[in-house]
Amino acid sequence: MITKWIPQFEKLAENYQQKVEEQFKTLSLDEIKETYEEVYVNPGTVDMATVEEVPFTGKDELDIDKISNAAKEAVKNGEVAALLMAGGQGTRLEHPGPKGTFSFDGLSLFELQAKQIKTAERETGQPIHWYIMTSDINHTETLSFFSKHNHFGFEEKNVHFFRQEHFPALSKDGELLLTEDKEIMLTPNGNGGIFSALKASGMLEDMKERGIEHVFMNNVDNAVVKVLDPVLLGLHVSENNDVTSKSILPKPGESVGRLSMVNGQKSVVEYTELPEGAGEQFQNGNIGIHVFGMDYLQKVAEEKMPYHLALKKLEHMNEDLLVVKDEVLKFEKFYFDAFRHADKHMTLQVDRKGEFSPLKNKTGKDSIETAYNDLKDEGII
């Protein structure tokens, strides 16, 4: 059985065979085979006839003072937590370490966000719990960075770290891969794994026990993100939504998914899955900023999330146990596939300026320079 999945298994030394075999026994082979068949061998395509623009609102339609006060009251009552997705490395920035440790004028991405949460604490007199999803590749370094910086003024007990879950990468023939350390290659299972990871790590139960009702989620690499934005949070609280999303008007060809209705249900069509030019039909780019209701989080943590395919060049051992860097199959979940389980979901479209400045590349678009300039324009640094 194992040689079917790992053809070079018998070429391994006995001690490595034992280690690989123990790892192999923990895998759900049926799920792996099913995922390979559904996502790579027989992939579905987006039927654009089923995709429509999502209903959305703008700030000019809202009573900003009223909803901002609702947000502040919810924070003051201890009902709000912050949730950060920070599993990535700074590889594309040529930065050694977790992406959140990348700094502008001595201020790391982590600290830029921490300062905003601390401001909300001071304004309300209420400690705010910060839940941070890391990954195996950066977990230890992230914890060390926070410790080195005295948790940016937070009480250590109020910052909660948990790890992203993983799924095996496969060859294009559907075989498991071995790393240079002669272990079965596992890769992070995408941002959509956040719901099950919250549950498996005990964080969801922790939130519930603390009386958390609303969870504000964002990515680590949006340099100008407004963490705990009172307008988005207040809209969520006032309307008693399951999900409240923030969007921007995307630029032509921009690498952001499009918030949309798919078969009448709220979703996001990822930019990698849109037919060429189709993205220009949609006015709401997903920028990874959402507020979730606690009951909704508990519900979707139990739901099975589909996988999506990502082709990546990763180092692994070939059939002769030599390290090569070839294109392999990486499988990822997207959190927005859970949107269809929301009974009430609203979208708030905002101006890009002061809201969205992704840090993805060392140079060019969405780069260190563009993020730095946006931070200066906003007076943040």
Protein backbone atom coordinates (compact mmCIF):
# COMPACT_ATOMS: atom_id res chain seq x y z
CA MET A 1 0.00 0.00 0.00
CA ILE A 2 2.65 2.55 1.01
CA THR A 3 4.76 2.02 -2.14
CA LYS A 4 1.72 2.89 -4.23
CA TRP A 5 1.67 6.30 -2.60
CA ILE A 6 5.46 6.67 -2.10
CA PRO A 7 7.24 4.72 -4.88
CA GLN A 8 10.73 5.41 -3.49
CA PHE A 9 9.81 4.18 0.00
CA GLU A 10 11.91 1.01 -0.21
CA LYS A 11 15.00 3.02 -1.17
CA LEU A 12 14.91 4.79 2.19
CA ALA A 13 17.10 3.63 5.06
CA GLU A 14 15.20 1.60 7.63
CA ASN A 15 15.09 4.37 10.23
CA TYR A 16 13.56 6.77 7.65
CA GLN A 17 11.11 4.10 6.51
CA GLN A 18 9.87 3.79 10.06
CA LYS A 19 9.43 7.56 10.40
CA VAL A 20 7.61 7.85 7.06
CA GLU A 21 5.40 4.88 7.86
CA GLU A 22 4.31 6.41 11.16
CA GLN A 23 3.47 9.66 9.37
CA PHE A 24 1.67 7.76 6.61
CA LYS A 25 -0.64 6.06 9.13
CA THR A 26 -1.96 9.45 10.27
CA LEU A 27 -3.14 10.46 6.79
CA SER A 28 -6.70 10.21 5.51
CA LEU A 29 -5.95 8.46 2.22
CA ASP A 30 -9.56 8.48 1.06
CA GLU A 31 -9.76 12.25 1.48
CA ILE A 32 -6.44 12.74 -0.32
CA LYS A 33 -7.51 10.56 -3.24
CA GLU A 34 -10.91 12.24 -3.46
CA THR A 35 -9.33 15.70 -3.39
CA TYR A 36 -6.83 14.77 -6.13
CA GLU A 37 -9.60 13.42 -8.36
CA GLU A 38 -12.02 16.30 -7.82
CA VAL A 39 -9.60 19.20 -7.86
CA TYR A 40 -6.90 18.14 -10.32
CA VAL A 41 -8.09 15.24 -12.48
CA ASN A 42 -11.68 16.39 -12.99
CA PRO A 43 -11.69 20.06 -11.99
CA GLY A 44 -14.86 22.10 -12.10
CA THR A 45 -14.88 25.48 -13.79
CA VAL A 46 -16.66 28.68 -12.84
CA ASP A 47 -19.89 28.96 -14.79
CA MET A 48 -20.05 32.72 -15.21
CA ALA A 49 -23.75 32.48 -16.04
CA THR A 50 -24.33 31.66 -12.35
CA VAL A 51 -22.26 34.60 -11.05
CA GLU A 52 -23.84 37.98 -10.30
CA GLU A 53 -22.81 41.22 -8.62
CA VAL A 54 -23.19 41.16 -4.85
CA PRO A 55 -25.49 43.73 -3.20
CA PHE A 56 -23.40 46.32 -1.36
CA THR A 57 -23.63 49.57 0.52
CA GLY A 58 -21.38 52.61 0.82
CA LYS A 59 -20.49 54.78 3.80
CA ASP A 60 -22.63 57.60 2.44
CA GLU A 61 -25.71 55.44 3.05
CA LEU A 62 -24.90 54.88 6.73
CA ASP A 63 -25.34 56.80 9.96
CA ILE A 64 -21.63 56.71 10.77
CA ASP A 65 -21.93 58.14 14.28
CA LYS A 66 -24.66 55.70 15.24
CA ILE A 67 -22.92 52.55 14.02
CA SER A 68 -19.52 53.68 15.33
CA ASN A 69 -21.07 54.05 18.77
CA ALA A 70 -22.54 50.55 18.45
CA ALA A 71 -19.05 49.24 17.68
CA LYS A 72 -17.52 51.06 20.64
CA GLU A 73 -20.23 49.74 22.96
CA ALA A 74 -19.62 46.16 21.80
CA VAL A 75 -15.87 46.53 22.43
CA LYS A 76 -16.55 48.12 25.83
CA ASN A 77 -18.75 45.15 26.75
CA GLY A 78 -15.96 42.69 25.93
CA GLU A 79 -17.88 41.24 22.98
CA VAL A 80 -15.23 41.83 20.29
CA ALA A 81 -12.02 39.97 19.44
CA ALA A 82 -9.44 40.53 16.70
CA LEU A 83 -8.36 37.64 14.48
CA LEU A 84 -5.22 37.86 12.35
CA MET A 85 -4.12 35.55 9.53
CA ALA A 86 -0.31 35.56 9.73
CA GLY A 87 0.91 32.21 8.44
CA GLY A 88 3.12 33.54 5.66
CA GLN A 89 6.85 34.11 5.33
CA GLY A 90 8.49 37.19 3.84
CA THR A 91 10.11 35.18 1.05
CA ARG A 92 8.88 37.31 -1.87
CA LEU A 93 10.04 40.42 -0.02
CA GLU A 94 13.47 38.79 0.46
CA HIS A 95 12.80 39.23 4.17
CA PRO A 96 14.06 36.47 6.47
CA GLY A 97 11.25 35.50 8.80
CA PRO A 98 7.49 35.79 9.19
CA LYS A 99 5.91 38.44 6.96
CA GLY A 100 4.42 40.14 10.01
CA THR A 101 7.94 40.96 11.24
CA PHE A 102 8.69 43.08 8.14
CA SER A 103 9.26 46.65 9.27
CA PHE A 104 8.86 50.18 7.94
CA ASP A 105 10.97 52.77 9.79
CA GLY A 106 11.25 50.37 12.71
CA LEU A 107 7.54 49.53 12.87
CA SER A 108 6.66 45.95 11.98
CA LEU A 109 3.38 44.95 10.38
CA PHE A 110 2.53 43.24 13.66
CA GLU A 111 3.17 46.43 15.64
CA LEU A 112 1.21 48.61 13.20
CA GLN A 113 -1.84 46.46 13.89
CA ALA A 114 -1.16 46.02 17.61
CA LYS A 115 -1.12 49.81 18.09
CA GLN A 116 -4.63 50.07 16.65
CA ILE A 117 -6.00 47.41 18.98
CA LYS A 118 -4.30 49.07 21.95
CA THR A 119 -5.92 52.38 20.96
CA ALA A 120 -9.34 50.70 21.02
CA GLU A 121 -8.51 49.31 24.46
CA ARG A 122 -7.62 52.75 25.81
CA GLU A 123 -10.76 54.32 24.33
CA THR A 124 -13.07 51.74 25.92
CA GLY A 125 -11.15 50.64 29.00
CA GLN A 126 -11.67 47.05 27.93
CA PRO A 127 -8.89 44.50 27.23
CA ILE A 128 -9.21 43.04 23.73
CA HIS A 129 -8.15 39.50 22.93
CA TRP A 130 -6.03 39.02 19.82
CA TYR A 131 -6.06 35.61 18.11
CA ILE A 132 -3.24 35.02 15.62
CA MET A 133 -3.05 32.14 13.16
CA THR A 134 0.53 31.15 12.33
CA SER A 135 1.88 28.14 10.45
CA ASP A 136 4.49 25.49 11.17
CA ILE A 137 7.06 27.44 9.16
CA ASN A 138 6.77 30.62 11.22
CA HIS A 139 5.10 29.74 14.53
CA THR A 140 8.21 29.67 16.71
CA GLU A 141 9.71 32.80 15.15
CA THR A 142 6.42 34.67 15.55
CA LEU A 143 6.17 33.82 19.24
CA SER A 144 9.79 34.85 19.75
CA PHE A 145 9.19 38.17 17.98
CA PHE A 146 6.21 38.97 20.18
CA SER A 147 8.15 38.01 23.30
CA LYS A 148 11.12 40.14 22.24
CA HIS A 149 8.80 43.13 21.82
CA ASN A 150 6.93 42.54 25.11
CA HIS A 151 3.80 41.59 23.16
CA PHE A 152 3.51 45.23 22.04
CA GLY A 153 1.99 46.25 25.34
CA PHE A 154 -0.58 43.46 25.52
CA GLU A 155 -0.82 41.22 28.51
CA GLU A 156 0.65 37.93 27.30
CA LYS A 157 -2.52 36.08 28.31
CA ASN A 158 -4.55 38.24 25.89
CA VAL A 159 -2.60 37.22 22.77
CA HIS A 160 -3.47 33.74 21.55
CA PHE A 161 -1.46 31.91 18.88
CA PHE A 162 -2.68 28.86 16.99
CA ARG A 163 -1.39 27.02 13.94
CA GLN A 164 -2.85 26.64 10.51
CA GLU A 165 -3.69 23.07 9.54
CA HIS A 166 -1.95 21.15 6.75
CA PHE A 167 -2.63 18.86 3.80
CA PRO A 168 -0.21 16.76 1.72
CA ALA A 169 1.20 18.14 -1.50
CA LEU A 170 1.10 15.63 -4.39
CA SER A 171 2.86 14.91 -7.64
CA LYS A 172 0.82 15.27 -10.81
CA ASP A 173 0.47 11.48 -10.72
CA GLY A 174 -1.22 11.72 -7.33
CA GLU A 175 1.72 10.40 -5.31
CA LEU A 176 2.86 11.71 -1.95
CA LEU A 177 6.11 13.66 -1.92
CA LEU A 178 9.11 13.45 0.38
CA THR A 179 10.98 16.46 1.72
CA GLU A 180 14.76 16.72 1.85
CA ASP A 181 14.46 15.54 5.48
CA LYS A 182 12.78 12.38 4.18
CA GLU A 183 9.39 13.20 5.62
CA ILE A 184 6.03 13.28 3.85
CA MET A 185 5.54 16.81 2.55
CA LEU A 186 2.68 18.68 4.19
CA THR A 187 1.78 22.25 3.24
CA PRO A 188 -0.55 24.81 4.88
CA ASN A 189 -4.13 24.10 3.81
CA GLY A 190 -5.04 27.68 2.91
CA ASN A 191 -6.84 30.48 4.73
CA GLY A 192 -10.09 28.50 4.61
CA GLY A 193 -8.65 26.18 7.21
CA ILE A 194 -8.97 28.95 9.76
CA PHE A 195 -12.41 27.84 10.97
CA SER A 196 -11.48 24.23 11.72
CA ALA A 197 -8.13 25.37 13.14
CA LEU A 198 -9.94 27.70 15.55
CA LYS A 199 -11.97 24.76 16.75
CA ALA A 200 -9.17 22.17 16.86
CA SER A 201 -6.87 24.53 18.76
CA GLY A 202 -9.50 25.31 21.39
CA MET A 203 -9.58 28.98 20.40
CA LEU A 204 -13.23 28.90 19.42
CA GLU A 205 -14.15 27.54 22.83
CA ASP A 206 -11.90 30.15 24.44
CA MET A 207 -13.75 32.92 22.61
CA LYS A 208 -17.10 31.50 23.65
CA GLU A 209 -16.09 31.28 27.30
CA ARG A 210 -14.97 34.91 27.25
CA GLY A 211 -18.32 36.08 25.92
CA ILE A 212 -17.01 37.06 22.50
CA GLU A 213 -19.86 37.74 20.05
CA HIS A 214 -18.11 39.42 17.11
CA VAL A 215 -14.73 38.55 15.57
CA PHE A 216 -12.91 41.04 13.32
CA MET A 217 -10.61 39.21 10.87
CA ASN A 218 -7.89 40.59 8.59
CA ASN A 219 -4.64 39.64 6.86
CA VAL A 220 -1.19 40.57 8.14
CA ASP A 221 0.04 42.02 4.83
CA ASN A 222 -2.35 44.94 4.31
CA ALA A 223 -0.11 47.78 5.47
CA VAL A 224 -2.91 50.30 6.06
CA VAL A 225 -5.64 47.97 7.33
CA LYS A 226 -8.01 49.56 9.85
CA VAL A 227 -8.12 46.89 12.52
CA LEU A 228 -11.43 46.93 14.42
CA ASP A 229 -12.72 49.57 12.00
CA PRO A 230 -15.73 51.02 13.88
CA VAL A 231 -17.72 51.50 10.67
CA LEU A 232 -17.47 47.87 9.52
CA LEU A 233 -17.75 46.52 13.05
CA GLY A 234 -20.63 48.84 13.87
CA LEU A 235 -22.53 47.84 10.72
CA HIS A 236 -22.08 44.21 11.68
CA VAL A 237 -23.25 44.71 15.26
CA SER A 238 -26.17 47.01 14.35
CA GLU A 239 -27.50 44.66 11.67
CA ASN A 240 -26.82 41.47 13.66
CA ASN A 241 -25.10 39.96 10.63
CA ASP A 242 -23.44 36.56 10.36
CA VAL A 243 -20.77 38.05 8.09
CA THR A 244 -19.94 41.64 7.18
CA SER A 245 -17.34 42.15 4.46
CA LYS A 246 -15.32 45.14 3.34
CA SER A 247 -14.66 45.60 -0.38
CA ILE A 248 -13.04 48.01 -2.82
CA LEU A 249 -13.64 48.79 -6.49
CA PRO A 250 -10.98 46.61 -8.15
CA LYS A 251 -8.61 47.90 -10.80
CA PRO A 252 -8.76 46.17 -14.20
CA GLY A 253 -6.93 42.85 -13.91
CA GLU A 254 -6.22 43.32 -10.20
CA SER A 255 -5.24 40.19 -8.30
CA VAL A 256 -8.13 40.21 -5.84
CA GLY A 257 -11.14 37.90 -5.76
CA ARG A 258 -14.56 39.31 -6.55
CA LEU A 259 -17.28 39.28 -3.92
CA SER A 260 -20.30 37.97 -5.79
CA MET A 261 -23.44 35.90 -5.78
CA VAL A 262 -22.87 32.38 -7.10
CA ASN A 263 -26.06 30.42 -7.71
CA GLY A 264 -27.82 32.96 -5.52
CA GLN A 265 -25.44 32.52 -2.57
CA LYS A 266 -22.79 34.93 -1.28
CA SER A 267 -19.28 33.93 -2.27
CA VAL A 268 -16.02 35.14 -3.72
CA VAL A 269 -14.73 34.07 -7.10
CA GLU A 270 -10.95 34.00 -6.74
CA TYR A 271 -9.06 35.94 -9.40
CA THR A 272 -7.11 32.81 -10.39
CA GLU A 273 -10.37 31.06 -11.27
CA LEU A 274 -11.95 33.87 -13.30
CA PRO A 275 -11.92 33.61 -17.10
CA GLU A 276 -9.69 36.27 -18.64
CA GLY A 277 -11.38 39.68 -18.56
CA ALA A 278 -14.37 38.43 -16.55
CA GLY A 279 -13.28 40.23 -13.40
CA GLU A 280 -14.08 43.60 -14.95
CA GLN A 281 -17.80 42.80 -14.66
CA PHE A 282 -17.71 42.97 -10.86
CA GLN A 283 -17.42 46.00 -8.60
CA ASN A 284 -16.43 44.48 -5.26
CA GLY A 285 -12.87 43.28 -4.76
CA ASN A 286 -12.28 41.09 -1.71
CA ILE A 287 -9.54 42.56 0.50
CA GLY A 288 -9.66 40.00 3.29
CA ILE A 289 -11.39 42.10 5.94
CA HIS A 290 -14.51 40.59 7.50
CA VAL A 291 -16.45 40.48 10.75
CA PHE A 292 -17.97 37.16 11.81
CA GLY A 293 -20.68 36.42 14.34
CA MET A 294 -19.78 33.84 16.97
CA ASP A 295 -22.71 31.54 16.19
CA TYR A 296 -21.67 31.59 12.53
CA LEU A 297 -18.07 30.68 13.39
CA GLN A 298 -19.23 27.73 15.44
CA LYS A 299 -21.45 26.56 12.59
CA VAL A 300 -18.87 26.76 9.81
CA ALA A 301 -16.18 25.11 11.94
CA GLU A 302 -18.24 21.93 11.49
CA GLU A 303 -18.65 22.28 7.72
CA LYS A 304 -16.53 20.51 5.13
CA MET A 305 -14.71 23.08 3.00
CA PRO A 306 -13.71 22.33 -0.60
CA TYR A 307 -10.11 22.44 -1.76
CA HIS A 308 -8.73 24.54 -4.64
CA LEU A 309 -5.62 23.81 -6.68
CA ALA A 310 -2.41 25.81 -6.57
CA LEU A 311 0.52 24.78 -8.76
CA LYS A 312 3.78 25.52 -6.95
CA LYS A 313 7.44 24.78 -7.61
CA LEU A 314 8.60 23.12 -4.40
CA GLU A 315 11.72 21.21 -3.50
CA HIS A 316 11.19 17.50 -2.93
CA MET A 317 12.97 14.18 -3.46
CA ASN A 318 12.58 12.40 -6.79
CA GLU A 319 12.43 8.64 -7.36
CA ASP A 320 16.24 8.45 -6.93
CA LEU A 321 16.09 10.39 -3.64
CA LEU A 322 17.69 13.45 -5.23
CA VAL A 323 16.37 16.89 -4.34
CA VAL A 324 14.63 18.57 -7.28
CA LYS A 325 12.43 21.64 -7.60
CA ASP A 326 9.44 20.78 -9.77
CA GLU A 327 5.86 21.95 -10.11
CA VAL A 328 3.67 20.04 -7.66
CA LEU A 329 0.03 20.10 -6.58
CA LYS A 330 -0.78 22.14 -3.50
CA PHE A 331 -4.34 22.08 -2.19
CA GLU A 332 -5.85 25.06 -0.40
CA LYS A 333 -9.14 25.96 1.22
CA PHE A 334 -10.57 29.48 0.90
CA TYR A 335 -12.45 30.95 3.86
CA PHE A 336 -15.01 32.59 1.61
CA ASP A 337 -16.39 29.19 0.56
CA ALA A 338 -18.06 29.29 3.98
CA PHE A 339 -20.00 32.45 3.11
CA ARG A 340 -22.81 30.36 1.64
CA HIS A 341 -23.61 29.21 5.17
CA ALA A 342 -24.35 32.77 6.31
CA ASP A 343 -28.02 33.64 6.74
CA LYS A 344 -27.25 37.36 6.74
CA HIS A 345 -24.21 38.79 4.96
CA MET A 346 -23.62 42.45 4.11
CA THR A 347 -20.87 44.07 2.04
CA LEU A 348 -19.51 47.56 2.71
CA GLN A 349 -17.61 49.11 -0.19
CA VAL A 350 -14.94 51.65 0.80
CA ASP A 351 -12.39 53.81 -1.00
CA ARG A 352 -9.08 52.08 -1.59
CA LYS A 353 -7.05 54.95 -0.13
CA GLY A 354 -6.34 54.42 3.54
CA GLU A 355 -7.95 50.98 3.48
CA PHE A 356 -5.94 48.66 1.24
CA SER A 357 -2.23 48.56 0.47
CA PRO A 358 -1.11 44.95 0.05
CA LEU A 359 2.52 44.05 0.63
CA LYS A 360 3.21 41.17 -1.76
CA ASN A 361 6.40 41.93 -3.69
CA LYS A 362 9.84 43.42 -3.16
CA THR A 363 9.50 45.77 -6.12
CA GLY A 364 6.83 46.89 -8.59
CA LYS A 365 3.13 46.79 -7.78
CA ASP A 366 1.93 45.90 -4.28
CA SER A 367 5.52 46.29 -3.12
CA ILE A 368 7.60 47.60 -0.26
CA GLU A 369 7.75 51.00 -1.96
CA THR A 370 4.00 51.29 -2.62
CA ALA A 371 3.13 50.20 0.92
CA TYR A 372 5.68 52.62 2.40
CA ASN A 373 4.32 55.51 0.37
CA ASP A 374 0.75 54.69 1.42
CA LEU A 375 1.77 54.53 5.08
CA LYS A 376 3.40 57.97 4.75
CA ASP A 377 0.37 59.38 2.92
CA GLU A 378 -1.86 58.27 5.78
CA GLY A 379 0.49 59.77 8.38
CA ILE A 380 1.01 56.36 9.98
CA ILE A 381 4.80 56.61 9.74
